[in-house]
Amino acid sequence: MSDQLSSKGNSQILCYYANGTNKIQVVRIGNIPNWYFEKVVFPGQRLMFKAAAKAVLEIHAGAVASAILADRIPCYILRVIEEVNYELDMVVPAAQLAALAR
């Protein structure tokens, strides 16, 4: 199974998760057909990933041999909202550009 979502009908969102514990965690997404995601996240480590909006991130904590499902977080809650800086998109008149170049 692929670590990437196919572009067929699956809208991807950028997600962020941070392991705020002092234990190693295994995070996985298994609820998307024909797609599987699994990563080890060390204490204090941050993770950015793309997933379907309907994906659910499972957080497994504890010893590797006896990991317990500690939480389930819908990925839409982990979505990164990108900020747009409209000042960069403004058109600067030529007279102002000339004044700035001096």
Protein backbone atom coordinates (compact mmCIF):
# COMPACT_ATOMS: atom_id res chain seq x y z
CA MET A 1 0.00 0.00 0.00
CA SER A 2 1.17 3.48 -0.76
CA ASP A 3 2.33 6.21 1.60
CA GLN A 4 0.80 8.74 -0.80
CA LEU A 5 -2.87 9.34 -1.49
CA SER A 6 -3.96 9.01 -5.08
CA SER A 7 -5.37 12.15 -6.61
CA LYS A 8 -8.56 10.36 -7.69
CA GLY A 9 -11.33 11.92 -5.62
CA ASN A 10 -9.29 12.23 -2.43
CA SER A 11 -8.82 15.84 -1.43
CA GLN A 12 -5.70 16.07 0.71
CA ILE A 13 -5.17 18.38 3.63
CA LEU A 14 -1.91 19.29 5.31
CA CYS A 15 -1.91 18.08 8.92
CA TYR A 16 0.30 18.66 11.96
CA TYR A 17 0.81 16.43 14.99
CA ALA A 18 3.27 16.83 17.88
CA ASN A 19 4.20 14.15 20.39
CA GLY A 20 3.98 16.09 23.65
CA THR A 21 4.68 13.03 25.79
CA ASN A 22 7.93 11.51 27.03
CA LYS A 23 7.17 8.19 25.27
CA ILE A 24 7.70 6.96 21.74
CA GLN A 25 4.43 6.83 19.82
CA VAL A 26 3.39 5.03 16.68
CA VAL A 27 0.84 7.01 14.68
CA ARG A 28 -1.14 5.46 11.88
CA ILE A 29 -4.05 6.01 9.55
CA GLY A 30 -5.85 2.89 8.47
CA ASN A 31 -9.39 3.99 7.69
CA ILE A 32 -8.76 5.06 4.07
CA PRO A 33 -9.28 2.22 1.54
CA ASN A 34 -6.14 1.19 -0.39
CA TRP A 35 -3.95 3.56 1.62
CA TYR A 36 -2.00 3.13 4.84
CA PHE A 37 0.15 5.56 6.81
CA GLU A 38 2.34 4.69 9.80
CA LYS A 39 5.19 6.61 11.45
CA VAL A 40 7.18 6.45 14.67
CA VAL A 41 7.10 9.79 16.52
CA PHE A 42 9.70 10.34 19.22
CA PRO A 43 9.09 12.45 22.36
CA GLY A 44 8.92 16.14 21.41
CA GLN A 45 8.98 15.36 17.69
CA ARG A 46 6.61 17.14 15.31
CA LEU A 47 5.13 15.63 12.19
CA MET A 48 3.54 17.22 9.14
CA PHE A 49 1.76 14.99 6.65
CA LYS A 50 -0.92 15.03 3.99
CA ALA A 51 -4.03 12.94 4.39
CA ALA A 52 -7.64 12.75 3.26
CA ALA A 53 -9.93 15.03 5.25
CA LYS A 54 -11.87 11.97 6.43
CA ALA A 55 -8.74 10.18 7.67
CA VAL A 56 -8.37 9.44 11.39
CA LEU A 57 -4.93 9.47 13.03
CA GLU A 58 -4.52 6.74 15.66
CA ILE A 59 -1.90 7.34 18.35
CA HIS A 60 -0.44 4.19 19.87
CA ALA A 61 1.67 4.66 23.01
CA GLY A 62 3.64 2.43 25.34
CA ALA A 63 6.19 -0.29 24.77
CA VAL A 64 6.46 -1.46 21.18
CA ALA A 65 5.33 -4.99 22.00
CA SER A 66 2.38 -3.80 24.07
CA ALA A 67 1.37 -0.53 22.43
CA ILE A 68 -2.07 0.65 23.46
CA LEU A 69 -4.36 2.79 21.34
CA ALA A 70 -4.21 6.02 23.33
CA ASP A 71 -6.21 8.36 21.09
CA ARG A 72 -7.97 8.80 17.75
CA ILE A 73 -7.96 12.26 16.17
CA PRO A 74 -9.82 13.10 12.94
CA CYS A 75 -7.31 14.66 10.54
CA TYR A 76 -9.54 17.64 9.81
CA ILE A 77 -8.86 18.71 13.42
CA LEU A 78 -5.08 18.46 12.76
CA ARG A 79 -5.37 20.55 9.58
CA VAL A 80 -2.79 23.29 9.09
CA ILE A 81 -4.43 26.58 8.14
CA GLU A 82 -2.02 28.45 5.91
CA GLU A 83 -1.89 32.19 6.42
CA VAL A 84 -1.86 34.40 3.35
CA ASN A 85 0.06 37.65 3.53
CA TYR A 86 -1.93 40.04 1.34
CA GLU A 87 0.75 42.74 1.61
CA LEU A 88 2.98 40.65 -0.66
CA ASP A 89 0.23 40.50 -3.27
CA MET A 90 -0.29 44.26 -3.42
CA VAL A 91 0.68 46.08 -6.57
CA VAL A 92 3.23 48.80 -5.87
CA PRO A 93 3.03 51.82 -8.20
CA ALA A 94 6.16 52.54 -10.26
CA ALA A 95 6.68 55.90 -8.46
CA GLN A 96 6.92 54.09 -5.10
CA LEU A 97 9.30 51.50 -6.51
CA ALA A 98 11.55 54.30 -7.80
CA ALA A 99 11.49 55.97 -4.38
CA LEU A 100 12.36 52.69 -2.65
CA ALA A 101 15.27 52.07 -5.05
CA ARG A 102 17.00 55.32 -4.05
